[in-house]
C-alpha atoms as a PDB file:
ATOM      1  CA  UNK A   1     -17.622 -15.348  28.086  1.00  0.00           C
ATOM      2  CA  UNK A   2     -15.954 -15.929  24.800  1.00  0.00           C
ATOM      3  CA  UNK A   3     -14.728 -12.687  23.091  1.00  0.00           C
ATOM      4  CA  UNK A   4     -16.410 -12.528  19.636  1.00  0.00           C
ATOM      5  CA  UNK A   5     -14.306 -11.462  16.354  1.00  0.00           C
ATOM      6  CA  UNK A   6     -15.450  -7.931  16.959  1.00  0.00           C
ATOM      7  CA  UNK A   7     -14.070  -7.829  20.305  1.00  0.00           C
ATOM      8  CA  UNK A   8     -10.693  -9.181  19.458  1.00  0.00           C
ATOM      9  CA  UNK A   9      -7.951  -6.902  18.502  1.00  0.00           C
ATOM     10  CA  UNK A  10      -7.071  -6.659  14.926  1.00  0.00           C
ATOM     11  CA  UNK A  11      -3.826  -8.066  13.989  1.00  0.00           C
ATOM     12  CA  UNK A  12      -1.351  -6.731  11.562  1.00  0.00           C
ATOM     13  CA  UNK A  13      -0.645  -9.298   8.390  1.00  0.00           C
ATOM     14  CA  UNK A  14       3.034  -7.484   8.596  1.00  0.00           C
ATOM     15  CA  UNK A  15       5.755  -8.939  10.659  1.00  0.00           C
ATOM     16  CA  UNK A  16       8.160  -6.261  12.120  1.00  0.00           C
ATOM     17  CA  UNK A  17      11.734  -6.398  13.197  1.00  0.00           C
ATOM     18  CA  UNK A  18      14.383  -4.598  13.914  1.00  0.00           C
ATOM     19  CA  UNK A  19      16.096  -5.319  10.461  1.00  0.00           C
ATOM     20  CA  UNK A  20      13.115  -4.991   8.694  1.00  0.00           C
ATOM     21  CA  UNK A  21      11.637  -1.691   7.422  1.00  0.00           C
ATOM     22  CA  UNK A  22       8.011  -1.125   7.657  1.00  0.00           C
ATOM     23  CA  UNK A  23       6.044  -1.186   4.449  1.00  0.00           C
ATOM     24  CA  UNK A  24       5.091   2.464   4.874  1.00  0.00           C
ATOM     25  CA  UNK A  25       8.922   3.123   4.483  1.00  0.00           C
ATOM     26  CA  UNK A  26       9.197   0.879   1.539  1.00  0.00           C
ATOM     27  CA  UNK A  27       9.419   2.780  -1.870  1.00  0.00           C
ATOM     28  CA  UNK A  28       9.727  -0.375  -3.751  1.00  0.00           C
ATOM     29  CA  UNK A  29       6.698  -1.597  -1.977  1.00  0.00           C
ATOM     30  CA  UNK A  30       4.290   0.935  -2.872  1.00  0.00           C
ATOM     31  CA  UNK A  31       5.261   1.413  -6.452  1.00  0.00           C
ATOM     32  CA  UNK A  32       5.081  -2.514  -6.977  1.00  0.00           C
ATOM     33  CA  UNK A  33       1.403  -1.893  -5.474  1.00  0.00           C
ATOM     34  CA  UNK A  34       0.876   1.208  -7.798  1.00  0.00           C
ATOM     35  CA  UNK A  35       2.111  -0.622 -10.859  1.00  0.00           C
ATOM     36  CA  UNK A  36      -0.200  -3.961  -9.803  1.00  0.00           C
ATOM     37  CA  UNK A  37      -3.305  -1.687  -9.665  1.00  0.00           C
ATOM     38  CA  UNK A  38      -2.839   0.135 -12.726  1.00  0.00           C
ATOM     39  CA  UNK A  39      -2.260  -3.008 -14.769  1.00  0.00           C
ATOM     40  CA  UNK A  40      -5.631  -4.321 -12.842  1.00  0.00           C
ATOM     41  CA  UNK A  41      -7.161  -1.063 -14.418  1.00  0.00           C
ATOM     42  CA  UNK A  42      -6.252  -1.226 -17.792  1.00  0.00           C
ATOM     43  CA  UNK A  43      -8.181  -4.106 -17.967  1.00  0.00           C
ATOM     44  CA  UNK A  44     -11.457  -2.505 -16.698  1.00  0.00           C
ATOM     45  CA  UNK A  45     -14.198  -1.353 -19.034  1.00  0.00           C
ATOM     46  CA  UNK A  46     -16.343   0.192 -16.666  1.00  0.00           C
ATOM     47  CA  UNK A  47     -15.243   4.111 -16.649  1.00  0.00           C
ATOM     48  CA  UNK A  48     -15.931   4.595 -12.680  1.00  0.00           C
ATOM     49  CA  UNK A  49     -14.300   1.684 -11.640  1.00  0.00           C
ATOM     50  CA  UNK A  50     -11.233   2.124 -13.879  1.00  0.00           C
ATOM     51  CA  UNK A  51     -11.016   5.625 -12.725  1.00  0.00           C
ATOM     52  CA  UNK A  52     -11.021   4.793  -9.200  1.00  0.00           C
ATOM     53  CA  UNK A  53      -8.209   2.245  -9.939  1.00  0.00           C
ATOM     54  CA  UNK A  54      -6.359   4.792 -11.482  1.00  0.00           C
ATOM     55  CA  UNK A  55      -6.608   7.283  -8.577  1.00  0.00           C
ATOM     56  CA  UNK A  56      -5.391   4.382  -6.131  1.00  0.00           C
ATOM     57  CA  UNK A  57      -2.869   3.923  -8.190  1.00  0.00           C
ATOM     58  CA  UNK A  58      -1.627   7.584  -8.497  1.00  0.00           C
ATOM     59  CA  UNK A  59      -2.025   7.751  -4.275  1.00  0.00           C
ATOM     60  CA  UNK A  60       0.380   4.697  -4.318  1.00  0.00           C
ATOM     61  CA  UNK A  61       2.831   6.566  -6.704  1.00  0.00           C
ATOM     62  CA  UNK A  62       2.863   9.307  -4.289  1.00  0.00           C
ATOM     63  CA  UNK A  63       3.246   7.109  -1.422  1.00  0.00           C
ATOM     64  CA  UNK A  64       6.440   5.550  -3.214  1.00  0.00           C
ATOM     65  CA  UNK A  65       7.658   9.081  -3.876  1.00  0.00           C
ATOM     66  CA  UNK A  66       7.316  10.026  -0.181  1.00  0.00           C
ATOM     67  CA  UNK A  67       8.920   6.777   1.396  1.00  0.00           C
ATOM     68  CA  UNK A  68      11.676   7.372  -1.216  1.00  0.00           C
ATOM     69  CA  UNK A  69      12.294  10.992   0.187  1.00  0.00           C
ATOM     70  CA  UNK A  70      12.289   9.635   3.937  1.00  0.00           C
ATOM     71  CA  UNK A  71      14.889   7.369   2.861  1.00  0.00           C
ATOM     72  CA  UNK A  72      17.087   9.673   1.299  1.00  0.00           C
ATOM     73  CA  UNK A  73      16.731  12.250   3.854  1.00  0.00           C
ATOM     74  CA  UNK A  74      17.817   9.513   6.675  1.00  0.00           C
ATOM     75  CA  UNK A  75      21.254   8.841   5.167  1.00  0.00           C
END
């Protein structure tokens, strides 16, 4: 039987190696995502959708701050 897409294990779009940090630990990555989502939200007119996007931008900012603190504590 040939496996279907549902039966296959998901693959990550991120490639990890010993010299590259994971995106979860990269403060600049999350900061960039926050800025990108906030910029998109500013162009939205529907209040509900705009609010959700701004909330997502805030979440990304928090993730950036936490990644920065983890990196600071590693040194």
